[in-house]
């Protein structure tokens, strides 16, 4: 009986960690571009010359934790919570000299090492929980710029902005900020 109780405790702890976004793949957030009927999900979008770009993501809360600071090197996070983050583009996009073809992708964040992070686009969409997308279906990995901010953001927030005709993706959670820019091809 003691063994069953201990196993149930471990299972409950594992489920709580996954609900916090603590799996090897996590999910994303919501803010500026649009609204979601689900308060636990966020939506952002931006219109560029080539068409609309949008992101739909889950919005986990910090609740006194610092999940990104705990991410080990090589950790791939599902970039939000619950259903995987969906990144949709009506135009081919350029991230530096790398091209992302128009379409719909799941988006993942990887802690490369130290302050080095990357954004991964995967051809599998609509994935729930762990273990997440198959890495062999990753189509593009782009570097993210990492900064620490003075303001704390309790709920994961993703924003898409038009910066002089280029797109800017901004991910904020706790004091962490991850950004990348892109343009329509």
C-alpha atoms as a PDB file:
ATOM      1  CA  UNK A   1       0.000   0.000   0.000  1.00  0.00           C
ATOM      2  CA  UNK A   2       2.843   2.394   0.873  1.00  0.00           C
ATOM      3  CA  UNK A   3       4.384   1.752  -2.564  1.00  0.00           C
ATOM      4  CA  UNK A   4       1.109   2.632  -4.348  1.00  0.00           C
ATOM      5  CA  UNK A   5       0.752   5.835  -2.297  1.00  0.00           C
ATOM      6  CA  UNK A   6       4.330   6.835  -3.152  1.00  0.00           C
ATOM      7  CA  UNK A   7       3.750   6.083  -6.870  1.00  0.00           C
ATOM      8  CA  UNK A   8       0.585   8.219  -6.849  1.00  0.00           C
ATOM      9  CA  UNK A   9       2.543  11.053  -5.208  1.00  0.00           C
ATOM     10  CA  UNK A  10       5.242  10.881  -7.889  1.00  0.00           C
ATOM     11  CA  UNK A  11       2.580  10.830 -10.611  1.00  0.00           C
ATOM     12  CA  UNK A  12       0.832  13.879  -9.098  1.00  0.00           C
ATOM     13  CA  UNK A  13       4.156  15.768  -8.875  1.00  0.00           C
ATOM     14  CA  UNK A  14       4.977  14.901 -12.501  1.00  0.00           C
ATOM     15  CA  UNK A  15       1.562  16.071 -13.666  1.00  0.00           C
ATOM     16  CA  UNK A  16       1.944  19.344 -11.729  1.00  0.00           C
ATOM     17  CA  UNK A  17       5.360  19.951 -13.313  1.00  0.00           C
ATOM     18  CA  UNK A  18       3.940  19.315 -16.805  1.00  0.00           C
ATOM     19  CA  UNK A  19       1.050  21.699 -16.107  1.00  0.00           C
ATOM     20  CA  UNK A  20       3.619  24.383 -15.239  1.00  0.00           C
ATOM     21  CA  UNK A  21       5.265  23.948 -18.604  1.00  0.00           C
ATOM     22  CA  UNK A  22       8.091  21.895 -17.120  1.00  0.00           C
ATOM     23  CA  UNK A  23       8.168  19.206 -19.761  1.00  0.00           C
ATOM     24  CA  UNK A  24      10.756  18.872 -22.459  1.00  0.00           C
ATOM     25  CA  UNK A  25       8.399  20.862 -24.599  1.00  0.00           C
ATOM     26  CA  UNK A  26       6.282  23.729 -23.356  1.00  0.00           C
ATOM     27  CA  UNK A  27       3.921  26.359 -24.715  1.00  0.00           C
ATOM     28  CA  UNK A  28       3.301  30.042 -25.229  1.00  0.00           C
ATOM     29  CA  UNK A  29       1.263  33.126 -24.457  1.00  0.00           C
ATOM     30  CA  UNK A  30      -1.066  35.856 -25.615  1.00  0.00           C
ATOM     31  CA  UNK A  31      -1.118  39.622 -25.841  1.00  0.00           C
ATOM     32  CA  UNK A  32      -1.405  42.387 -28.329  1.00  0.00           C
ATOM     33  CA  UNK A  33      -2.532  41.275 -31.740  1.00  0.00           C
ATOM     34  CA  UNK A  34      -5.797  39.614 -30.917  1.00  0.00           C
ATOM     35  CA  UNK A  35      -7.978  38.066 -28.318  1.00  0.00           C
ATOM     36  CA  UNK A  36      -8.740  34.505 -27.465  1.00  0.00           C
ATOM     37  CA  UNK A  37     -12.013  33.163 -26.074  1.00  0.00           C
ATOM     38  CA  UNK A  38      -9.928  30.982 -23.725  1.00  0.00           C
ATOM     39  CA  UNK A  39      -8.229  33.094 -20.996  1.00  0.00           C
ATOM     40  CA  UNK A  40      -5.492  30.447 -20.770  1.00  0.00           C
ATOM     41  CA  UNK A  41      -4.573  31.029 -24.440  1.00  0.00           C
ATOM     42  CA  UNK A  42      -3.156  34.011 -26.218  1.00  0.00           C
ATOM     43  CA  UNK A  43      -3.145  35.237 -29.786  1.00  0.00           C
ATOM     44  CA  UNK A  44      -0.943  37.808 -31.479  1.00  0.00           C
ATOM     45  CA  UNK A  45      -0.740  38.821 -35.121  1.00  0.00           C
ATOM     46  CA  UNK A  46       0.977  41.295 -37.381  1.00  0.00           C
ATOM     47  CA  UNK A  47       0.364  42.226 -41.022  1.00  0.00           C
ATOM     48  CA  UNK A  48       3.400  42.613 -43.246  1.00  0.00           C
ATOM     49  CA  UNK A  49       3.613  43.411 -46.977  1.00  0.00           C
ATOM     50  CA  UNK A  50       3.423  39.698 -47.832  1.00  0.00           C
ATOM     51  CA  UNK A  51       0.479  38.870 -45.578  1.00  0.00           C
ATOM     52  CA  UNK A  52      -0.555  38.162 -41.997  1.00  0.00           C
ATOM     53  CA  UNK A  53       1.605  36.345 -39.435  1.00  0.00           C
ATOM     54  CA  UNK A  54      -0.054  35.006 -36.264  1.00  0.00           C
ATOM     55  CA  UNK A  55       0.754  32.986 -33.186  1.00  0.00           C
ATOM     56  CA  UNK A  56      -1.660  31.118 -30.890  1.00  0.00           C
ATOM     57  CA  UNK A  57      -0.228  29.902 -27.580  1.00  0.00           C
ATOM     58  CA  UNK A  58      -0.956  28.772 -24.011  1.00  0.00           C
ATOM     59  CA  UNK A  59      -0.259  31.271 -21.211  1.00  0.00           C
ATOM     60  CA  UNK A  60       1.238  29.615 -18.122  1.00  0.00           C
ATOM     61  CA  UNK A  61       1.777  31.724 -15.000  1.00  0.00           C
ATOM     62  CA  UNK A  62       5.006  32.096 -13.000  1.00  0.00           C
ATOM     63  CA  UNK A  63       3.320  31.406  -9.615  1.00  0.00           C
ATOM     64  CA  UNK A  64       6.593  32.114  -7.815  1.00  0.00           C
ATOM     65  CA  UNK A  65       8.663  29.874 -10.090  1.00  0.00           C
ATOM     66  CA  UNK A  66      11.242  30.766 -12.696  1.00  0.00           C
ATOM     67  CA  UNK A  67      10.821  27.998 -15.249  1.00  0.00           C
ATOM     68  CA  UNK A  68      13.168  29.462 -17.877  1.00  0.00           C
ATOM     69  CA  UNK A  69      15.979  29.892 -15.341  1.00  0.00           C
ATOM     70  CA  UNK A  70      15.623  26.185 -14.462  1.00  0.00           C
ATOM     71  CA  UNK A  71      15.829  24.982 -18.087  1.00  0.00           C
ATOM     72  CA  UNK A  72      18.953  22.854 -18.595  1.00  0.00           C
ATOM     73  CA  UNK A  73      21.131  23.236 -21.684  1.00  0.00           C
ATOM     74  CA  UNK A  74      19.523  21.495 -24.682  1.00  0.00           C
ATOM     75  CA  UNK A  75      16.012  21.683 -23.186  1.00  0.00           C
ATOM     76  CA  UNK A  76      13.226  22.039 -25.805  1.00  0.00           C
ATOM     77  CA  UNK A  77      10.129  23.707 -24.391  1.00  0.00           C
ATOM     78  CA  UNK A  78       6.708  23.530 -26.021  1.00  0.00           C
ATOM     79  CA  UNK A  79       6.538  27.317 -25.742  1.00  0.00           C
ATOM     80  CA  UNK A  80       3.414  27.702 -23.638  1.00  0.00           C
ATOM     81  CA  UNK A  81       1.013  25.257 -22.053  1.00  0.00           C
ATOM     82  CA  UNK A  82      -1.513  22.621 -23.062  1.00  0.00           C
ATOM     83  CA  UNK A  83      -1.855  22.539 -26.867  1.00  0.00           C
ATOM     84  CA  UNK A  84       1.357  23.401 -28.712  1.00  0.00           C
ATOM     85  CA  UNK A  85       1.947  26.922 -29.934  1.00  0.00           C
ATOM     86  CA  UNK A  86       0.818  27.444 -33.531  1.00  0.00           C
ATOM     87  CA  UNK A  87       2.710  29.864 -35.775  1.00  0.00           C
ATOM     88  CA  UNK A  88       0.938  30.696 -39.056  1.00  0.00           C
ATOM     89  CA  UNK A  89       2.300  32.789 -41.919  1.00  0.00           C
ATOM     90  CA  UNK A  90       0.638  33.768 -45.200  1.00  0.00           C
ATOM     91  CA  UNK A  91       4.030  34.705 -46.698  1.00  0.00           C
ATOM     92  CA  UNK A  92       7.454  33.123 -46.913  1.00  0.00           C
ATOM     93  CA  UNK A  93       9.495  34.687 -44.097  1.00  0.00           C
ATOM     94  CA  UNK A  94      13.194  35.480 -43.803  1.00  0.00           C
ATOM     95  CA  UNK A  95      14.909  35.102 -40.429  1.00  0.00           C
ATOM     96  CA  UNK A  96      18.305  36.546 -41.327  1.00  0.00           C
ATOM     97  CA  UNK A  97      19.345  34.478 -44.340  1.00  0.00           C
ATOM     98  CA  UNK A  98      17.068  31.525 -43.432  1.00  0.00           C
ATOM     99  CA  UNK A  99      13.663  31.034 -45.091  1.00  0.00           C
ATOM    100  CA  UNK A 100      10.474  29.733 -43.482  1.00  0.00           C
ATOM    101  CA  UNK A 101       7.922  28.768 -46.163  1.00  0.00           C
ATOM    102  CA  UNK A 102       4.386  30.090 -45.739  1.00  0.00           C
ATOM    103  CA  UNK A 103       2.191  27.704 -43.806  1.00  0.00           C
ATOM    104  CA  UNK A 104       1.311  26.523 -40.303  1.00  0.00           C
ATOM    105  CA  UNK A 105       3.878  25.231 -37.810  1.00  0.00           C
ATOM    106  CA  UNK A 106       4.196  24.359 -34.159  1.00  0.00           C
ATOM    107  CA  UNK A 107       6.746  26.616 -32.459  1.00  0.00           C
ATOM    108  CA  UNK A 108       9.196  25.490 -29.759  1.00  0.00           C
ATOM    109  CA  UNK A 109      11.868  27.267 -27.728  1.00  0.00           C
ATOM    110  CA  UNK A 110      15.234  25.637 -27.087  1.00  0.00           C
ATOM    111  CA  UNK A 111      17.672  26.597 -24.335  1.00  0.00           C
ATOM    112  CA  UNK A 112      20.896  26.046 -26.268  1.00  0.00           C
ATOM    113  CA  UNK A 113      23.220  26.932 -23.359  1.00  0.00           C
ATOM    114  CA  UNK A 114      23.848  29.857 -21.013  1.00  0.00           C
ATOM    115  CA  UNK A 115      22.055  32.904 -22.443  1.00  0.00           C
ATOM    116  CA  UNK A 116      21.749  31.278 -25.877  1.00  0.00           C
ATOM    117  CA  UNK A 117      18.187  30.360 -26.973  1.00  0.00           C
ATOM    118  CA  UNK A 118      16.578  29.429 -30.297  1.00  0.00           C
ATOM    119  CA  UNK A 119      13.114  29.239 -31.854  1.00  0.00           C
ATOM    120  CA  UNK A 120      12.240  25.996 -33.637  1.00  0.00           C
ATOM    121  CA  UNK A 121       9.495  25.589 -36.251  1.00  0.00           C
ATOM    122  CA  UNK A 122       8.113  22.069 -36.657  1.00  0.00           C
ATOM    123  CA  UNK A 123       5.728  20.676 -39.292  1.00  0.00           C
ATOM    124  CA  UNK A 124       3.546  18.910 -36.662  1.00  0.00           C
ATOM    125  CA  UNK A 125       0.709  21.091 -35.308  1.00  0.00           C
ATOM    126  CA  UNK A 126      -1.951  20.654 -32.616  1.00  0.00           C
ATOM    127  CA  UNK A 127       0.234  18.587 -30.282  1.00  0.00           C
ATOM    128  CA  UNK A 128      -0.829  18.219 -26.643  1.00  0.00           C
ATOM    129  CA  UNK A 129       1.632  17.737 -23.752  1.00  0.00           C
ATOM    130  CA  UNK A 130       4.750  15.613 -23.636  1.00  0.00           C
ATOM    131  CA  UNK A 131       6.755  14.304 -25.364  1.00  0.00           C
ATOM    132  CA  UNK A 132       5.845  16.809 -28.072  1.00  0.00           C
ATOM    133  CA  UNK A 133       6.799  17.069 -31.715  1.00  0.00           C
ATOM    134  CA  UNK A 134       9.270  14.693 -33.283  1.00  0.00           C
ATOM    135  CA  UNK A 135      12.563  16.554 -33.718  1.00  0.00           C
ATOM    136  CA  UNK A 136      13.008  14.991 -37.180  1.00  0.00           C
ATOM    137  CA  UNK A 137      10.058  17.181 -38.264  1.00  0.00           C
ATOM    138  CA  UNK A 138      11.832  20.423 -37.319  1.00  0.00           C
ATOM    139  CA  UNK A 139      12.003  22.603 -40.426  1.00  0.00           C
ATOM    140  CA  UNK A 140      13.922  25.640 -39.134  1.00  0.00           C
ATOM    141  CA  UNK A 141      15.822  26.735 -36.025  1.00  0.00           C
ATOM    142  CA  UNK A 142      16.582  30.442 -35.609  1.00  0.00           C
ATOM    143  CA  UNK A 143      18.559  32.174 -32.856  1.00  0.00           C
ATOM    144  CA  UNK A 144      16.744  34.308 -30.294  1.00  0.00           C
ATOM    145  CA  UNK A 145      18.206  37.356 -28.571  1.00  0.00           C
ATOM    146  CA  UNK A 146      18.017  36.996 -24.781  1.00  0.00           C
ATOM    147  CA  UNK A 147      17.758  39.884 -22.305  1.00  0.00           C
ATOM    148  CA  UNK A 148      16.742  40.303 -18.662  1.00  0.00           C
ATOM    149  CA  UNK A 149      14.153  43.026 -18.044  1.00  0.00           C
ATOM    150  CA  UNK A 150      13.352  45.091 -14.944  1.00  0.00           C
ATOM    151  CA  UNK A 151       9.600  44.442 -15.182  1.00  0.00           C
ATOM    152  CA  UNK A 152       8.267  41.023 -14.226  1.00  0.00           C
ATOM    153  CA  UNK A 153       5.651  39.416 -16.483  1.00  0.00           C
ATOM    154  CA  UNK A 154       3.523  36.894 -14.537  1.00  0.00           C
ATOM    155  CA  UNK A 155       1.812  35.210 -17.520  1.00  0.00           C
ATOM    156  CA  UNK A 156       3.780  34.158 -20.545  1.00  0.00           C
ATOM    157  CA  UNK A 157       3.210  36.808 -23.184  1.00  0.00           C
ATOM    158  CA  UNK A 158       4.036  36.711 -26.893  1.00  0.00           C
ATOM    159  CA  UNK A 159       3.794  39.775 -29.063  1.00  0.00           C
ATOM    160  CA  UNK A 160       4.180  40.272 -32.811  1.00  0.00           C
ATOM    161  CA  UNK A 161       5.049  43.810 -33.920  1.00  0.00           C
ATOM    162  CA  UNK A 162       5.648  45.717 -37.134  1.00  0.00           C
ATOM    163  CA  UNK A 163       9.001  47.498 -36.793  1.00  0.00           C
ATOM    164  CA  UNK A 164       9.427  49.617 -39.954  1.00  0.00           C
ATOM    165  CA  UNK A 165       8.042  46.918 -42.251  1.00  0.00           C
ATOM    166  CA  UNK A 166       9.819  44.030 -40.484  1.00  0.00           C
ATOM    167  CA  UNK A 167       8.233  41.675 -38.004  1.00  0.00           C
ATOM    168  CA  UNK A 168       9.435  41.389 -34.414  1.00  0.00           C
ATOM    169  CA  UNK A 169       8.540  38.443 -32.160  1.00  0.00           C
ATOM    170  CA  UNK A 170       8.826  39.244 -28.433  1.00  0.00           C
ATOM    171  CA  UNK A 171       8.440  36.551 -25.756  1.00  0.00           C
ATOM    172  CA  UNK A 172       8.219  37.788 -22.149  1.00  0.00           C
ATOM    173  CA  UNK A 173       7.977  35.659 -19.005  1.00  0.00           C
ATOM    174  CA  UNK A 174       9.212  36.649 -15.576  1.00  0.00           C
ATOM    175  CA  UNK A 175      12.209  38.920 -16.163  1.00  0.00           C
ATOM    176  CA  UNK A 176      13.189  36.990 -19.319  1.00  0.00           C
ATOM    177  CA  UNK A 177      12.750  38.417 -22.806  1.00  0.00           C
ATOM    178  CA  UNK A 178      13.454  36.507 -26.037  1.00  0.00           C
ATOM    179  CA  UNK A 179      13.224  38.261 -29.409  1.00  0.00           C
ATOM    180  CA  UNK A 180      13.819  37.674 -33.099  1.00  0.00           C
ATOM    181  CA  UNK A 181      13.093  39.723 -36.188  1.00  0.00           C
ATOM    182  CA  UNK A 182      11.869  38.560 -39.591  1.00  0.00           C
ATOM    183  CA  UNK A 183      10.675  39.951 -42.886  1.00  0.00           C
ATOM    184  CA  UNK A 184       8.307  38.848 -45.631  1.00  0.00           C
ATOM    185  CA  UNK A 185      10.180  37.447 -48.617  1.00  0.00           C
END
